[in-house]
Amino acid sequence: MMASVMSNNEAEIFLKELFSRGHVRMSEWPSDLPVAVADLGLEIDLKAGRVSVTEPIIELDIPFLRDALAKTEPSLNLCYSRLVSSTNTMLVDFYSKGNNADSLFLCEFQYEGRGRRGKTWRSPYASTIMFSLGMKVSEAQKSIKGLSCALGLSIAHSLINLGISNVTVKWPNDVYIDGRKVCGILVELVSNNSDSASVVIGVGLNYRLKSHYIDLIDKPTTDLISHGLLKSRSQVLKRIVEKLCEDFRRFTDSGFSVFKDDFNGMHWLADRFVEISQGSGTVTSGIVAGVSSEGELLVRMGDQEVPIIAGEISLIGAREGT
């Protein structure tokens, strides 16, 4: 947790002023602004004593998104803020307080973004497609086995439909292009009341990352612009949200079994020798044989196929991205 963070309203006022003027004096920079100069891609001129915007910062087109999604997903409640701690944290809190509207929380920057298995997740301002989508499920549907895999597959299909080649999914839900990670998903189930729950789907999709930022990431990583994508972040986000909503409803109707063969057909881990470390200290090694109809990873050990529900995966004898 950060010791002191200025309010979102104060931060947004400062950023609006910075973007409209194109620069601010270094003495004006708030010490508790939760986004750094490096995150904004700004230039520091020590001689002039100011911080300047050197490249266009293109924020999401919220009027376009509201209008477009109102036509295809009219029940979706859209909320936007430039800076947030974490869209997933905010949406989980929203549902924990008894709200139950299907919701889409959007932002330009997260200063306490969360990934799977408690990892932190952070990216430059307005360079990533970051959002959390919340969808209601009935009491009878509170088992969401395989949903995470179905959602990863959904985003992979969206990228393919946008003209991206060599897209694969890595169990349970990472999306890869040419063997490099482009998207991660965090799924959380939150009870609204005794009759229903909501699934919070947090998505982080690399849209445009500078090479020096990619070099800081500890795994092979890529972005959409590097693969020739010409559409804006807002256009891509619209397509992905619509596809996720469609596939979420398909999952609630039929479960993961209707996604299984498609997932196995584009599974990046297929036939690879892996080691899975689980929370209990158990380590399982074997050849990936696919995923089950409930989204479990199937690992072949001799003549047996062992189902894995969760764990940290390492490739044996190979490096990710190869």
Protein backbone atom coordinates (compact mmCIF):
# COMPACT_ATOMS: atom_id res chain seq x y z
CA MET A 1 0.00 0.00 0.00
CA MET A 2 1.15 3.51 -0.73
CA ALA A 3 1.59 5.66 2.36
CA SER A 4 -0.16 8.69 0.86
CA VAL A 5 -2.10 9.04 -2.38
CA MET A 6 -3.90 12.20 -3.44
CA SER A 7 -7.62 11.85 -4.13
CA ASN A 8 -8.71 10.67 -7.56
CA ASN A 9 -10.45 14.00 -8.17
CA GLU A 10 -7.29 15.99 -7.37
CA ALA A 11 -5.19 13.67 -9.53
CA GLU A 12 -7.56 13.95 -12.48
CA ILE A 13 -7.59 17.76 -12.26
CA PHE A 14 -3.79 17.80 -12.29
CA LEU A 15 -3.55 15.40 -15.24
CA LYS A 16 -6.15 17.34 -17.22
CA GLU A 17 -4.12 20.51 -16.70
CA LEU A 18 -0.87 18.75 -17.65
CA PHE A 19 -2.30 17.30 -20.86
CA SER A 20 -3.96 20.56 -21.93
CA ARG A 21 -0.85 22.70 -21.31
CA GLY A 22 1.63 20.08 -22.47
CA HIS A 23 3.93 20.74 -19.52
CA VAL A 24 4.08 21.71 -15.85
CA ARG A 25 6.89 23.12 -13.74
CA MET A 26 8.71 20.50 -11.67
CA SER A 27 7.78 22.47 -8.55
CA GLU A 28 4.10 21.87 -9.42
CA TRP A 29 4.43 18.09 -9.54
CA PRO A 30 2.47 16.61 -6.56
CA SER A 31 4.66 14.46 -4.33
CA ASP A 32 1.76 12.04 -3.72
CA LEU A 33 0.53 11.65 -7.31
CA PRO A 34 0.11 7.88 -7.74
CA VAL A 35 1.48 7.91 -11.29
CA ALA A 36 5.15 8.61 -11.99
CA VAL A 37 6.82 10.64 -14.73
CA ALA A 38 8.08 7.38 -16.28
CA ASP A 39 4.56 5.89 -16.30
CA LEU A 40 3.32 8.89 -18.28
CA GLY A 41 6.24 8.81 -20.72
CA LEU A 42 7.12 12.44 -20.01
CA GLU A 43 10.38 14.29 -20.51
CA ILE A 44 12.16 16.05 -17.66
CA ASP A 45 14.00 19.24 -18.63
CA LEU A 46 16.21 20.07 -15.65
CA LYS A 47 17.48 23.29 -17.24
CA ALA A 48 13.97 24.64 -17.83
CA GLY A 49 12.72 23.09 -14.59
CA ARG A 50 9.68 21.50 -16.14
CA VAL A 51 8.08 18.20 -17.12
CA SER A 52 6.72 18.01 -20.67
CA VAL A 53 4.43 15.81 -22.74
CA THR A 54 6.52 14.81 -25.77
CA GLU A 55 4.17 12.27 -27.38
CA PRO A 56 0.36 12.33 -27.68
CA ILE A 57 -1.41 10.66 -24.75
CA ILE A 58 -4.57 9.16 -26.22
CA GLU A 59 -7.11 8.34 -23.54
CA LEU A 60 -10.15 6.11 -24.00
CA ASP A 61 -13.04 7.56 -25.99
CA ILE A 62 -15.68 7.21 -23.29
CA PRO A 63 -18.60 8.80 -25.26
CA PHE A 64 -17.92 6.32 -28.10
CA LEU A 65 -17.80 3.38 -25.70
CA ARG A 66 -20.97 4.41 -23.86
CA ASP A 67 -22.88 4.78 -27.12
CA ALA A 68 -21.55 1.60 -28.75
CA LEU A 69 -22.00 -0.65 -25.72
CA ALA A 70 -25.46 0.78 -24.99
CA LYS A 71 -26.55 -0.72 -28.32
CA THR A 72 -25.08 -4.19 -27.81
CA GLU A 73 -25.03 -4.52 -24.00
CA PRO A 74 -27.75 -2.11 -22.76
CA SER A 75 -27.76 -3.49 -19.21
CA LEU A 76 -24.05 -2.81 -18.70
CA ASN A 77 -23.25 -0.09 -16.15
CA LEU A 78 -20.09 1.73 -17.35
CA CYS A 79 -17.83 3.55 -14.87
CA TYR A 80 -14.61 5.37 -15.78
CA SER A 81 -11.82 7.07 -13.91
CA ARG A 82 -8.37 7.99 -15.19
CA LEU A 83 -6.60 6.70 -12.07
CA VAL A 84 -7.71 3.87 -9.78
CA SER A 85 -6.07 1.61 -7.24
CA SER A 86 -7.39 -1.48 -9.04
CA THR A 87 -10.51 -1.93 -11.16
CA ASN A 88 -10.96 -5.44 -9.75
CA THR A 89 -10.68 -4.19 -6.17
CA MET A 90 -13.23 -1.46 -6.87
CA LEU A 91 -15.69 -3.81 -8.56
CA VAL A 92 -15.34 -6.50 -5.87
CA ASP A 93 -16.07 -3.81 -3.28
CA PHE A 94 -19.05 -2.62 -5.35
CA TYR A 95 -20.58 -6.10 -5.29
CA SER A 96 -19.64 -6.78 -1.67
CA LYS A 97 -21.85 -3.83 -0.71
CA GLY A 98 -24.91 -5.55 -2.19
CA ASN A 99 -24.94 -4.07 -5.69
CA ASN A 100 -25.72 -6.51 -8.47
CA ALA A 101 -25.71 -4.59 -11.77
CA ASP A 102 -23.63 -5.96 -14.64
CA SER A 103 -20.80 -3.44 -14.72
CA LEU A 104 -17.73 -2.37 -16.65
CA PHE A 105 -15.04 -0.43 -14.77
CA LEU A 106 -12.48 1.33 -17.00
CA CYS A 107 -9.33 3.32 -16.29
CA GLU A 108 -6.10 4.59 -17.82
CA PHE A 109 -3.79 3.60 -14.96
CA GLN A 110 -3.84 1.33 -11.90
CA TYR A 111 -1.40 2.02 -9.09
CA GLU A 112 -2.28 -1.14 -7.14
CA GLY A 113 -3.21 -3.46 -10.00
CA ARG A 114 -3.47 -7.14 -9.13
CA GLY A 115 -2.61 -10.22 -11.12
CA ARG A 116 -3.17 -13.89 -10.45
CA ARG A 117 -1.58 -15.57 -7.41
CA GLY A 118 -1.17 -12.23 -5.59
CA LYS A 119 1.22 -10.71 -8.13
CA THR A 120 1.23 -6.97 -8.73
CA TRP A 121 0.39 -5.67 -12.19
CA ARG A 122 1.34 -2.22 -13.50
CA SER A 123 1.71 -0.65 -16.93
CA PRO A 124 2.26 2.82 -18.46
CA TYR A 125 -0.55 5.35 -18.51
CA ALA A 126 -3.06 4.98 -21.40
CA SER A 127 -0.90 2.28 -23.03
CA THR A 128 -2.83 -0.80 -21.97
CA ILE A 129 -6.44 -1.95 -22.25
CA MET A 130 -7.32 -2.34 -18.56
CA PHE A 131 -10.80 -3.07 -17.29
CA SER A 132 -12.91 -5.18 -14.98
CA LEU A 133 -16.17 -6.66 -16.19
CA GLY A 134 -18.74 -7.81 -13.64
CA MET A 135 -21.51 -10.22 -14.62
CA LYS A 136 -24.27 -11.71 -12.46
CA VAL A 137 -24.66 -15.45 -11.98
CA SER A 138 -27.49 -17.27 -10.26
CA GLU A 139 -27.09 -19.29 -7.08
CA ALA A 140 -27.24 -22.44 -9.19
CA GLN A 141 -24.34 -21.22 -11.34
CA LYS A 142 -21.91 -20.43 -8.52
CA SER A 143 -19.67 -23.23 -9.76
CA ILE A 144 -17.61 -21.56 -12.46
CA LYS A 145 -15.14 -24.35 -13.22
CA GLY A 146 -13.49 -23.70 -16.56
CA LEU A 147 -14.72 -20.10 -16.85
CA SER A 148 -11.20 -18.71 -16.63
CA CYS A 149 -10.13 -20.83 -19.61
CA ALA A 150 -13.24 -19.86 -21.59
CA LEU A 151 -12.49 -16.16 -21.04
CA GLY A 152 -8.87 -16.49 -22.18
CA LEU A 153 -10.13 -18.25 -25.29
CA SER A 154 -12.69 -15.48 -25.84
CA ILE A 155 -10.01 -12.79 -25.88
CA ALA A 156 -7.80 -14.92 -28.15
CA HIS A 157 -10.68 -15.15 -30.64
CA SER A 158 -11.21 -11.38 -30.47
CA LEU A 159 -7.55 -10.79 -31.37
CA ILE A 160 -7.74 -13.26 -34.25
CA ASN A 161 -10.87 -11.50 -35.54
CA LEU A 162 -8.92 -8.22 -35.37
CA GLY A 163 -6.37 -9.70 -37.77
CA ILE A 164 -3.66 -10.80 -35.31
CA SER A 165 -1.83 -14.00 -36.27
CA ASN A 166 -0.22 -16.76 -34.19
CA VAL A 167 -2.51 -16.25 -31.17
CA THR A 168 -2.57 -18.99 -28.53
CA VAL A 169 -3.82 -19.47 -24.98
CA LYS A 170 -1.77 -20.75 -22.08
CA TRP A 171 -3.70 -22.53 -19.32
CA PRO A 172 -5.61 -21.23 -17.56
CA ASN A 173 -6.13 -17.89 -19.31
CA ASP A 174 -2.99 -16.09 -20.49
CA VAL A 175 -3.10 -15.02 -24.13
CA TYR A 176 0.05 -15.20 -26.25
CA ILE A 177 1.13 -13.87 -29.64
CA ASP A 178 4.14 -15.62 -31.22
CA GLY A 179 4.86 -17.25 -27.85
CA ARG A 180 4.93 -13.94 -25.95
CA LYS A 181 2.36 -12.89 -23.38
CA VAL A 182 0.01 -10.11 -24.45
CA CYS A 183 -2.87 -10.50 -21.98
CA GLY A 184 -3.60 -11.72 -18.46
CA ILE A 185 -6.93 -12.27 -16.72
CA LEU A 186 -7.92 -12.34 -13.04
CA VAL A 187 -11.31 -13.91 -12.20
CA GLU A 188 -13.01 -13.47 -8.81
CA LEU A 189 -16.41 -14.65 -7.56
CA VAL A 190 -18.28 -12.33 -5.19
CA SER A 191 -21.55 -13.11 -3.38
CA ASN A 192 -24.19 -10.38 -3.73
CA ASN A 193 -26.81 -12.02 -1.53
CA SER A 194 -28.24 -15.45 -0.82
CA ASP A 195 -29.72 -15.74 -4.31
CA SER A 196 -26.98 -14.54 -6.61
CA ALA A 197 -23.31 -13.79 -7.09
CA SER A 198 -21.22 -11.83 -9.56
CA VAL A 199 -18.09 -12.78 -11.42
CA VAL A 200 -15.44 -10.05 -11.65
CA ILE A 201 -13.24 -10.44 -14.73
CA GLY A 202 -10.10 -8.30 -14.65
CA VAL A 203 -8.30 -7.92 -17.98
CA GLY A 204 -4.90 -6.42 -18.74
CA LEU A 205 -4.10 -6.39 -22.47
CA ASN A 206 -0.89 -4.79 -23.77
CA TYR A 207 -1.85 -2.34 -26.51
CA ARG A 208 1.29 -0.24 -26.91
CA LEU A 209 4.44 -0.74 -24.80
CA LYS A 210 7.80 0.84 -25.49
CA SER A 211 10.69 -1.58 -25.84
CA HIS A 212 12.46 -0.37 -22.69
CA TYR A 213 9.31 -1.10 -20.66
CA ILE A 214 8.98 -4.58 -22.15
CA ASP A 215 12.60 -5.22 -21.19
CA LEU A 216 11.69 -4.66 -17.52
CA ILE A 217 9.15 -7.51 -17.54
CA ASP A 218 10.52 -10.87 -16.37
CA LYS A 219 8.74 -12.94 -19.05
CA PRO A 220 8.66 -12.67 -22.86
CA THR A 221 6.03 -10.00 -23.54
CA THR A 222 4.54 -8.27 -26.55
CA ASP A 223 1.84 -5.76 -27.50
CA LEU A 224 -0.81 -5.37 -30.21
CA ILE A 225 0.76 -2.45 -32.04
CA SER A 226 3.92 -4.51 -32.63
CA HIS A 227 1.77 -6.94 -34.64
CA GLY A 228 0.32 -4.38 -37.00
CA LEU A 229 -2.95 -3.53 -35.26
CA LEU A 230 -4.35 -0.22 -36.52
CA LYS A 231 -7.51 0.09 -34.44
CA SER A 232 -7.68 2.37 -31.39
CA ARG A 233 -7.72 1.14 -27.80
CA SER A 234 -11.39 2.09 -27.59
CA GLN A 235 -12.30 0.08 -30.68
CA VAL A 236 -10.40 -2.97 -29.44
CA LEU A 237 -11.90 -2.67 -25.96
CA LYS A 238 -15.43 -2.54 -27.40
CA ARG A 239 -14.85 -5.71 -29.45
CA ILE A 240 -13.36 -7.59 -26.52
CA VAL A 241 -16.07 -6.60 -24.03
CA GLU A 242 -18.84 -7.60 -26.44
CA LYS A 243 -17.19 -10.98 -27.10
CA LEU A 244 -16.60 -11.60 -23.38
CA CYS A 245 -20.27 -10.88 -22.61
CA GLU A 246 -21.35 -13.22 -25.41
CA ASP A 247 -19.06 -16.03 -24.30
CA PHE A 248 -19.89 -15.53 -20.63
CA ARG A 249 -23.57 -16.14 -21.42
CA ARG A 250 -22.60 -19.16 -23.50
CA PHE A 251 -20.64 -20.51 -20.53
CA THR A 252 -23.52 -20.00 -18.08
CA ASP A 253 -25.81 -21.87 -20.49
CA SER A 254 -23.52 -24.80 -21.35
CA GLY A 255 -20.41 -24.81 -19.14
CA PHE A 256 -16.84 -25.17 -20.36
CA SER A 257 -17.45 -28.37 -22.33
CA VAL A 258 -18.50 -26.37 -25.43
CA PHE A 259 -15.17 -24.48 -25.33
CA LYS A 260 -12.89 -27.43 -24.56
CA ASP A 261 -11.98 -28.65 -28.05
CA ASP A 262 -11.34 -25.12 -29.29
CA PHE A 263 -9.13 -24.39 -26.28
CA ASN A 264 -7.14 -27.59 -26.79
CA GLY A 265 -6.74 -26.72 -30.47
CA MET A 266 -4.86 -23.51 -29.66
CA HIS A 267 -3.27 -24.40 -26.32
CA TRP A 268 0.29 -23.07 -26.11
CA LEU A 269 1.26 -25.73 -23.55
CA ALA A 270 0.04 -28.69 -25.64
CA ASP A 271 2.53 -31.60 -25.64
CA ARG A 272 5.10 -29.64 -23.63
CA PHE A 273 6.92 -31.08 -20.65
CA VAL A 274 6.00 -29.01 -17.59
CA GLU A 275 6.42 -28.85 -13.84
CA ILE A 276 3.49 -27.56 -11.75
CA SER A 277 4.11 -26.28 -8.23
CA GLN A 278 0.99 -26.24 -6.06
CA GLY A 279 0.25 -24.45 -2.81
CA SER A 280 0.54 -27.60 -0.73
CA GLY A 281 4.16 -28.01 -1.79
CA THR A 282 3.23 -30.73 -4.29
CA VAL A 283 5.16 -30.69 -7.55
CA THR A 284 3.78 -32.52 -10.57
CA SER A 285 5.81 -33.12 -13.73
CA GLY A 286 4.69 -34.51 -17.06
CA ILE A 287 3.52 -33.87 -20.62
CA VAL A 288 0.50 -31.59 -21.08
CA ALA A 289 -2.27 -33.68 -22.63
CA GLY A 290 -4.90 -30.93 -22.82
CA VAL A 291 -7.67 -29.61 -20.60
CA SER A 292 -10.73 -31.43 -19.29
CA SER A 293 -14.39 -30.50 -19.79
CA GLU A 294 -14.17 -28.62 -16.45
CA GLY A 295 -11.06 -26.66 -17.40
CA GLU A 296 -8.53 -28.76 -15.46
CA LEU A 297 -5.05 -29.09 -16.93
CA LEU A 298 -4.38 -32.73 -17.84
CA VAL A 299 -0.79 -33.83 -17.30
CA ARG A 300 0.33 -37.20 -18.62
CA MET A 301 2.51 -39.13 -16.17
CA GLY A 302 3.32 -42.52 -17.62
CA ASP A 303 0.00 -44.18 -18.45
CA GLN A 304 -2.06 -41.77 -16.32
CA GLU A 305 -3.53 -38.33 -16.93
CA VAL A 306 -3.49 -36.28 -13.74
CA PRO A 307 -5.96 -33.34 -13.51
CA ILE A 308 -4.50 -30.10 -12.14
CA ILE A 309 -6.86 -27.45 -10.74
CA ALA A 310 -4.32 -24.70 -10.04
CA GLY A 311 -0.58 -24.16 -9.79
CA GLU A 312 2.49 -22.30 -11.00
CA ILE A 313 3.71 -23.75 -14.30
CA SER A 314 7.32 -23.98 -15.44
CA LEU A 315 8.54 -25.40 -18.73
CA ILE A 316 11.18 -28.08 -18.36
CA GLY A 317 14.08 -27.92 -20.81
CA ALA A 318 12.75 -24.80 -22.55
CA ARG A 319 12.32 -21.12 -21.93
CA GLU A 320 8.97 -19.37 -22.32
CA GLY A 321 8.70 -17.75 -25.69
CA THR A 322 10.41 -20.64 -27.51
